[in-house]
């Protein structure tokens, strides 16, 4: 074990295939927040293997210069997920290269525990015995549907002590069935930056109702938004769409598209005057971070009736779940009443404080999990 005998800090190697290049970059923002909070944790000494970007204070880079150049080029191509959607032949070679480079990082970097983000990034652990905490997101369930993938992951898990840490409770049953005999399944909720709890909301002076959709623009992420929203939005009730165009979608004329955004713009310009957030995604969602941030800011959310969304929202208490165009319209009308909007927003913020908390709260949860892995090993 590599624990410093004087400081008692755990040496943690974190891996991620996504990371923001700047404070304005939307990609991998939760990884940067997660790393910064762990670096502030007195129990942890953190190294990070990830695409290049500004590292938080006290986080050491585990990425070699060659890895950084390769990961930067991969990010510029849209990442592995984008390549799989658009250029599958190229994606196969990129996946193999990624696994090789990540495997080398796992072997050369001393660590008490490896913290792996996304299940596929656990595959290069093969042949090592370092205990691992593996964060599981909703998109990982698409990976588990691939032939042979569960068997490969089970082989990796057999070689070590491991905790699978989905970021939402609803994922636990499926993970228990697939891996519960080999690893502890311990849901660990992501936190939100404390600044979201400080957002002060106020209605716009011109009576226009602004609704926000913040998402990557793909067919599944947009879901039914354009079809259900047709005829519902217009000049007085506006839909403002934010996010990177990752698939070539035709945007309706009534959509106000702003391109990618970043937290400061949302906190200062949009969340204070918006009626709420809308997501009608059909994607494999885990626990959408943008929904957590909106709730922390006291912003009501209207969402499609997915397991991930039901896990976050209580219908007509902390948000609104819609299963049809008519229910979307009812939710918009209901939440545009000022009193209901404020009540739901306040209830959502209180729930976020109690059930999720800040990234520092999340770091404590992770540190406790690291310690339990090592205590079980002794």
Protein backbone atom coordinates (compact mmCIF):
# COMPACT_ATOMS: atom_id res chain seq x y z
CA UNK A 1 0.00 0.00 0.00
CA UNK A 2 1.29 3.48 -0.92
CA UNK A 3 -0.34 5.59 1.80
CA UNK A 4 2.06 8.29 3.02
CA UNK A 5 2.82 7.29 6.65
CA UNK A 6 3.04 10.93 7.76
CA UNK A 7 0.10 12.51 6.01
CA UNK A 8 -2.12 9.36 5.83
CA UNK A 9 -3.31 10.60 2.43
CA UNK A 10 -4.44 8.07 -0.17
CA UNK A 11 -2.76 8.12 -3.57
CA UNK A 12 -5.60 8.08 -6.11
CA UNK A 13 -5.21 7.79 -9.87
CA UNK A 14 -8.30 9.04 -11.71
CA UNK A 15 -8.91 8.33 -15.39
CA UNK A 16 -11.29 10.08 -17.76
CA UNK A 17 -11.65 10.40 -21.53
CA UNK A 18 -13.33 13.80 -21.24
CA UNK A 19 -12.05 17.04 -19.72
CA UNK A 20 -12.67 20.76 -20.39
CA UNK A 21 -9.95 22.61 -22.27
CA UNK A 22 -10.95 25.90 -20.60
CA UNK A 23 -13.49 27.24 -18.06
CA UNK A 24 -15.83 27.95 -21.01
CA UNK A 25 -15.65 24.38 -22.38
CA UNK A 26 -18.74 22.22 -21.71
CA UNK A 27 -16.95 18.88 -22.22
CA UNK A 28 -16.17 16.91 -19.09
CA UNK A 29 -17.01 19.78 -16.78
CA UNK A 30 -18.13 17.37 -14.07
CA UNK A 31 -14.72 15.67 -14.17
CA UNK A 32 -12.97 18.98 -13.48
CA UNK A 33 -15.38 19.71 -10.61
CA UNK A 34 -14.94 16.20 -9.24
CA UNK A 35 -11.14 16.44 -9.40
CA UNK A 36 -11.05 19.88 -7.78
CA UNK A 37 -13.18 18.68 -4.86
CA UNK A 38 -11.06 15.56 -4.34
CA UNK A 39 -7.91 17.73 -4.36
CA UNK A 40 -9.43 19.78 -1.52
CA UNK A 41 -10.08 16.60 0.47
CA UNK A 42 -7.47 16.17 3.20
CA UNK A 43 -7.52 12.36 2.79
CA UNK A 44 -6.55 12.32 -0.91
CA UNK A 45 -3.55 12.96 -3.14
CA UNK A 46 -4.91 12.94 -6.70
CA UNK A 47 -3.30 12.22 -10.09
CA UNK A 48 -5.43 12.63 -13.23
CA UNK A 49 -5.12 10.94 -16.62
CA UNK A 50 -7.36 12.91 -18.97
CA UNK A 51 -7.35 15.13 -22.07
CA UNK A 52 -5.32 18.34 -21.64
CA UNK A 53 -6.85 21.25 -19.78
CA UNK A 54 -6.24 23.45 -16.76
CA UNK A 55 -5.82 21.17 -13.75
CA UNK A 56 -7.14 22.17 -10.33
CA UNK A 57 -4.59 23.13 -7.69
CA UNK A 58 -2.81 20.14 -6.11
CA UNK A 59 -3.81 17.71 -8.90
CA UNK A 60 -0.86 16.01 -10.60
CA UNK A 61 -0.96 15.17 -14.30
CA UNK A 62 -0.65 11.43 -15.00
CA UNK A 63 -0.86 12.03 -18.75
CA UNK A 64 2.39 11.93 -20.73
CA UNK A 65 3.02 14.64 -23.37
CA UNK A 66 2.39 12.05 -26.09
CA UNK A 67 -0.87 10.98 -24.44
CA UNK A 68 -1.94 14.60 -24.14
CA UNK A 69 -1.37 15.28 -27.85
CA UNK A 70 -3.26 12.15 -28.84
CA UNK A 71 -6.17 12.86 -26.48
CA UNK A 72 -6.37 16.46 -27.70
CA UNK A 73 -6.67 15.24 -31.30
CA UNK A 74 -9.35 12.75 -30.26
CA UNK A 75 -11.30 15.53 -28.50
CA UNK A 76 -11.12 17.70 -31.61
CA UNK A 77 -12.71 14.82 -33.55
CA UNK A 78 -15.58 14.80 -31.08
CA UNK A 79 -14.43 11.91 -28.89
CA UNK A 80 -15.03 8.17 -29.13
CA UNK A 81 -18.83 8.40 -28.86
CA UNK A 82 -18.99 10.86 -31.78
CA UNK A 83 -16.68 8.70 -33.90
CA UNK A 84 -18.84 5.65 -33.22
CA UNK A 85 -21.87 7.56 -34.51
CA UNK A 86 -20.19 9.03 -37.59
CA UNK A 87 -16.97 7.17 -38.53
CA UNK A 88 -17.04 3.64 -37.17
CA UNK A 89 -14.01 2.39 -39.09
CA UNK A 90 -11.85 5.13 -37.59
CA UNK A 91 -13.42 4.61 -34.17
CA UNK A 92 -12.20 1.01 -33.91
CA UNK A 93 -8.55 2.02 -34.22
CA UNK A 94 -9.02 4.94 -31.83
CA UNK A 95 -10.61 2.69 -29.21
CA UNK A 96 -7.71 0.24 -29.38
CA UNK A 97 -5.14 3.05 -29.08
CA UNK A 98 -7.04 4.57 -26.17
CA UNK A 99 -7.11 1.27 -24.27
CA UNK A 100 -3.38 0.73 -24.79
CA UNK A 101 -2.44 4.24 -23.64
CA UNK A 102 -4.73 4.09 -20.64
CA UNK A 103 -3.42 0.65 -19.67
CA UNK A 104 0.14 2.00 -19.66
CA UNK A 105 -0.97 4.84 -17.37
CA UNK A 106 -2.55 2.37 -14.93
CA UNK A 107 0.73 0.46 -14.76
CA UNK A 108 3.24 3.30 -14.50
CA UNK A 109 1.42 5.53 -11.99
CA UNK A 110 1.69 4.48 -8.32
CA UNK A 111 -1.75 4.39 -6.71
CA UNK A 112 -3.56 2.92 -3.73
CA UNK A 113 -6.85 3.05 -5.65
CA UNK A 114 -7.69 3.71 -9.29
CA UNK A 115 -10.81 5.84 -9.78
CA UNK A 116 -12.18 5.01 -13.24
CA UNK A 117 -14.83 7.15 -14.90
CA UNK A 118 -17.01 5.09 -17.30
CA UNK A 119 -17.07 1.30 -17.36
CA UNK A 120 -15.19 0.96 -20.65
CA UNK A 121 -12.19 2.68 -19.08
CA UNK A 122 -11.91 -0.23 -16.63
CA UNK A 123 -11.02 -2.69 -19.40
CA UNK A 124 -7.31 -1.65 -19.50
CA UNK A 125 -7.03 -2.62 -15.81
CA UNK A 126 -6.72 -6.23 -17.04
CA UNK A 127 -3.57 -7.82 -15.65
CA UNK A 128 -3.32 -5.52 -12.62
CA UNK A 129 -4.60 -5.97 -9.08
CA UNK A 130 -4.97 -2.36 -7.87
CA UNK A 131 -8.32 -1.79 -6.09
CA UNK A 132 -10.72 0.22 -8.23
CA UNK A 133 -13.69 2.50 -7.79
CA UNK A 134 -15.55 2.62 -11.10
CA UNK A 135 -18.05 5.41 -11.69
CA UNK A 136 -21.01 4.18 -13.76
CA UNK A 137 -23.08 6.61 -15.84
CA UNK A 138 -26.26 6.04 -17.80
CA UNK A 139 -24.40 5.84 -21.11
CA UNK A 140 -22.55 2.78 -19.79
CA UNK A 141 -25.72 0.71 -20.16
CA UNK A 142 -25.38 0.99 -23.92
CA UNK A 143 -21.90 -0.51 -23.56
CA UNK A 144 -23.25 -3.39 -21.47
CA UNK A 145 -25.61 -4.35 -24.31
CA UNK A 146 -22.64 -5.10 -26.60
CA UNK A 147 -21.95 -8.85 -27.04
CA UNK A 148 -19.27 -10.11 -24.66
CA UNK A 149 -18.83 -6.85 -22.77
CA UNK A 150 -20.18 -8.11 -19.44
CA UNK A 151 -17.84 -11.10 -19.62
CA UNK A 152 -14.82 -8.85 -20.26
CA UNK A 153 -15.69 -6.58 -17.35
CA UNK A 154 -16.28 -9.54 -15.06
CA UNK A 155 -12.81 -10.83 -15.91
CA UNK A 156 -11.33 -7.46 -14.91
CA UNK A 157 -13.32 -7.34 -11.67
CA UNK A 158 -12.17 -10.81 -10.62
CA UNK A 159 -8.59 -9.51 -10.37
CA UNK A 160 -9.19 -6.88 -7.66
CA UNK A 161 -11.30 -5.37 -4.91
CA UNK A 162 -13.80 -3.11 -6.64
CA UNK A 163 -16.73 -0.78 -6.03
CA UNK A 164 -19.08 0.06 -8.87
CA UNK A 165 -20.40 3.52 -8.08
CA UNK A 166 -23.37 4.53 -10.23
CA UNK A 167 -24.29 8.17 -9.81
CA UNK A 168 -27.98 7.29 -9.28
CA UNK A 169 -29.82 4.63 -7.26
CA UNK A 170 -31.96 3.47 -10.17
CA UNK A 171 -28.92 1.79 -11.78
CA UNK A 172 -28.20 -0.45 -8.80
CA UNK A 173 -30.50 -3.45 -9.61
CA UNK A 174 -29.07 -4.05 -13.10
CA UNK A 175 -25.50 -3.72 -11.83
CA UNK A 176 -26.23 -6.08 -8.94
CA UNK A 177 -27.49 -8.70 -11.39
CA UNK A 178 -24.48 -8.35 -13.68
CA UNK A 179 -21.63 -7.82 -11.21
CA UNK A 180 -22.90 -8.03 -7.63
CA UNK A 181 -21.10 -11.31 -6.95
CA UNK A 182 -17.73 -9.71 -7.83
CA UNK A 183 -17.97 -6.09 -6.67
CA UNK A 184 -19.80 -3.91 -4.18
CA UNK A 185 -22.48 -1.79 -5.84
CA UNK A 186 -22.49 1.54 -4.01
CA UNK A 187 -24.41 4.46 -5.57
CA UNK A 188 -22.51 7.73 -5.05
CA UNK A 189 -24.31 10.87 -6.16
CA UNK A 190 -22.38 13.59 -7.94
CA UNK A 191 -22.44 16.99 -6.27
CA UNK A 192 -23.02 20.41 -7.76
CA UNK A 193 -20.85 23.50 -7.55
CA UNK A 194 -21.87 25.62 -4.56
CA UNK A 195 -22.39 28.64 -6.84
CA UNK A 196 -25.60 27.10 -8.26
CA UNK A 197 -27.25 27.31 -4.84
CA UNK A 198 -26.57 31.06 -4.82
CA UNK A 199 -28.46 31.89 -8.05
CA UNK A 200 -31.19 34.48 -7.38
CA UNK A 201 -34.16 34.23 -9.73
CA UNK A 202 -36.35 37.12 -10.86
CA UNK A 203 -39.02 37.33 -13.61
CA UNK A 204 -38.14 39.26 -16.79
CA UNK A 205 -39.68 42.75 -17.03
CA UNK A 206 -41.31 42.18 -20.44
CA UNK A 207 -43.50 39.21 -19.37
CA UNK A 208 -41.84 36.89 -21.93
CA UNK A 209 -41.64 33.31 -20.68
CA UNK A 210 -38.18 31.91 -21.33
CA UNK A 211 -37.71 28.13 -21.26
CA UNK A 212 -34.26 26.57 -21.55
CA UNK A 213 -33.03 23.31 -23.09
CA UNK A 214 -29.35 22.58 -22.41
CA UNK A 215 -28.11 19.46 -24.14
CA UNK A 216 -25.82 17.95 -26.71
CA UNK A 217 -27.72 18.12 -30.00
CA UNK A 218 -28.30 14.52 -31.04
CA UNK A 219 -31.53 12.83 -32.06
CA UNK A 220 -31.84 10.91 -28.79
CA UNK A 221 -30.87 13.82 -26.55
CA UNK A 222 -33.41 16.14 -28.21
CA UNK A 223 -36.02 13.37 -28.11
CA UNK A 224 -39.57 14.68 -28.58
CA UNK A 225 -38.72 18.32 -27.92
CA UNK A 226 -39.17 19.60 -31.47
CA UNK A 227 -42.30 17.57 -32.30
CA UNK A 228 -44.07 18.21 -29.00
CA UNK A 229 -42.99 21.85 -28.87
CA UNK A 230 -44.35 22.73 -32.31
CA UNK A 231 -47.19 25.22 -31.85
CA UNK A 232 -46.50 25.48 -28.12
CA UNK A 233 -43.59 27.91 -28.32
CA UNK A 234 -43.56 31.26 -30.08
CA UNK A 235 -42.87 34.91 -29.37
CA UNK A 236 -44.36 35.14 -25.88
CA UNK A 237 -43.23 31.68 -24.77
CA UNK A 238 -39.73 31.13 -26.10
CA UNK A 239 -37.52 28.04 -26.17
CA UNK A 240 -33.79 28.80 -25.90
CA UNK A 241 -31.57 25.87 -26.87
CA UNK A 242 -27.94 25.56 -25.77
CA UNK A 243 -25.35 22.91 -26.58
CA UNK A 244 -22.96 21.58 -29.22
CA UNK A 245 -24.35 20.30 -32.53
CA UNK A 246 -23.12 16.68 -32.54
CA UNK A 247 -25.52 15.42 -35.20
CA UNK A 248 -26.84 17.44 -38.12
CA UNK A 249 -30.36 18.24 -36.95
CA UNK A 250 -32.83 20.58 -38.61
CA UNK A 251 -33.88 23.17 -36.04
CA UNK A 252 -37.45 24.52 -36.15
CA UNK A 253 -37.74 28.23 -36.86
CA UNK A 254 -39.25 28.89 -33.42
CA UNK A 255 -36.15 27.56 -31.60
CA UNK A 256 -33.64 30.18 -30.41
CA UNK A 257 -30.34 28.31 -30.77
CA UNK A 258 -27.32 29.76 -28.94
CA UNK A 259 -24.66 27.06 -29.47
CA UNK A 260 -22.50 25.72 -26.61
CA UNK A 261 -22.67 27.48 -23.26
CA UNK A 262 -20.81 27.47 -19.94
CA UNK A 263 -21.80 27.76 -16.25
CA UNK A 264 -21.09 31.47 -15.82
CA UNK A 265 -23.36 32.41 -18.74
CA UNK A 266 -26.19 30.28 -17.39
CA UNK A 267 -25.83 31.49 -13.81
CA UNK A 268 -25.57 35.17 -14.64
CA UNK A 269 -27.76 35.60 -17.73
CA UNK A 270 -30.24 32.77 -18.22
CA UNK A 271 -31.17 30.92 -15.04
CA UNK A 272 -32.24 34.08 -13.14
CA UNK A 273 -34.93 35.01 -15.69
CA UNK A 274 -36.02 31.62 -17.03
CA UNK A 275 -39.31 29.88 -16.17
CA UNK A 276 -37.59 26.51 -16.16
CA UNK A 277 -35.54 23.84 -17.87
CA UNK A 278 -36.91 21.30 -20.36
CA UNK A 279 -35.44 17.92 -21.30
CA UNK A 280 -37.42 15.39 -23.34
CA UNK A 281 -34.42 13.13 -23.88
CA UNK A 282 -34.65 9.49 -24.98
CA UNK A 283 -30.92 8.98 -24.31
CA UNK A 284 -29.45 6.49 -21.80
CA UNK A 285 -29.39 9.09 -19.04
CA UNK A 286 -27.78 8.43 -15.67
CA UNK A 287 -28.41 11.46 -13.51
CA UNK A 288 -28.18 14.49 -15.79
CA UNK A 289 -25.88 17.07 -14.25
CA UNK A 290 -27.65 19.98 -15.91
CA UNK A 291 -30.88 18.95 -14.17
CA UNK A 292 -29.13 18.85 -10.79
CA UNK A 293 -27.65 22.30 -11.39
CA UNK A 294 -31.02 23.72 -12.43
CA UNK A 295 -32.68 22.29 -9.33
CA UNK A 296 -29.90 23.66 -7.11
CA UNK A 297 -30.52 27.07 -8.69
CA UNK A 298 -34.23 26.83 -7.84
CA UNK A 299 -35.22 26.37 -11.49
CA UNK A 300 -38.22 24.06 -12.14
CA UNK A 301 -37.61 21.19 -14.58
CA UNK A 302 -39.98 19.57 -17.08
CA UNK A 303 -38.64 16.17 -18.16
CA UNK A 304 -39.55 13.06 -20.12
CA UNK A 305 -40.60 10.08 -18.02
CA UNK A 306 -37.28 8.17 -17.98
CA UNK A 307 -35.94 6.20 -14.97
CA UNK A 308 -33.18 8.78 -14.57
CA UNK A 309 -35.68 11.63 -14.51
CA UNK A 310 -38.09 9.86 -12.15
CA UNK A 311 -35.12 9.36 -9.83
CA UNK A 312 -34.66 13.14 -9.64
CA UNK A 313 -38.13 14.66 -9.86
CA UNK A 314 -41.30 14.30 -7.83
CA UNK A 315 -44.15 15.17 -10.16
CA UNK A 316 -45.76 18.51 -9.25
CA UNK A 317 -43.52 18.80 -6.18
CA UNK A 318 -39.95 19.31 -7.42
CA UNK A 319 -40.69 19.26 -11.16
CA UNK A 320 -42.99 17.92 -13.87
CA UNK A 321 -42.83 14.61 -15.78
CA UNK A 322 -44.40 14.60 -19.25
CA UNK A 323 -45.37 11.54 -21.31
CA UNK A 324 -47.27 13.27 -24.14
CA UNK A 325 -47.56 16.62 -25.96
CA UNK A 326 -50.65 17.49 -23.94
CA UNK A 327 -48.82 16.84 -20.67
CA UNK A 328 -45.98 19.07 -21.83
CA UNK A 329 -48.49 21.86 -22.47
CA UNK A 330 -50.10 21.31 -19.08
CA UNK A 331 -46.71 21.44 -17.38
CA UNK A 332 -45.77 24.68 -19.11
CA UNK A 333 -49.05 26.34 -18.13
CA UNK A 334 -48.86 25.07 -14.56
CA UNK A 335 -45.28 26.20 -13.98
CA UNK A 336 -45.81 29.60 -15.59
CA UNK A 337 -48.03 30.52 -12.64
CA UNK A 338 -45.62 32.53 -10.50
CA UNK A 339 -46.59 31.05 -7.13
CA UNK A 340 -46.33 27.44 -8.33
CA UNK A 341 -43.06 28.21 -10.11
CA UNK A 342 -41.52 29.59 -6.95
CA UNK A 343 -42.83 26.76 -4.76
CA UNK A 344 -41.52 24.05 -7.08
CA UNK A 345 -38.20 25.83 -7.52
CA UNK A 346 -37.69 26.19 -3.78
CA UNK A 347 -38.63 22.55 -3.19
CA UNK A 348 -36.20 21.46 -5.90
CA UNK A 349 -33.39 23.52 -4.38
CA UNK A 350 -34.03 22.10 -0.91
CA UNK A 351 -34.02 18.55 -2.27
CA UNK A 352 -30.73 19.19 -4.09
CA UNK A 353 -29.13 20.50 -0.89
CA UNK A 354 -30.24 17.52 1.18
CA UNK A 355 -29.94 14.65 -1.31
CA UNK A 356 -26.99 15.78 -3.43
CA UNK A 357 -25.04 18.58 -1.81
CA UNK A 358 -21.87 20.14 -3.13
CA UNK A 359 -18.89 18.56 -4.90
CA UNK A 360 -17.06 18.71 -1.56
CA UNK A 361 -19.81 16.50 -0.10
CA UNK A 362 -19.33 14.14 -3.04
CA UNK A 363 -15.55 14.04 -2.45
CA UNK A 364 -16.14 12.87 1.12
CA UNK A 365 -18.37 10.07 -0.21
CA UNK A 366 -15.64 8.99 -2.62
CA UNK A 367 -12.91 9.17 0.06
CA UNK A 368 -14.98 6.91 2.32
CA UNK A 369 -15.30 4.42 -0.56
CA UNK A 370 -11.54 4.46 -1.23
CA UNK A 371 -10.88 3.70 2.43
CA UNK A 372 -13.34 0.83 2.50
CA UNK A 373 -11.59 -0.74 -0.50
CA UNK A 374 -8.27 -0.64 1.31
CA UNK A 375 -9.66 -1.75 4.67
CA UNK A 376 -11.20 -4.78 2.99
CA UNK A 377 -7.83 -5.54 1.43
CA UNK A 378 -5.97 -5.61 4.78
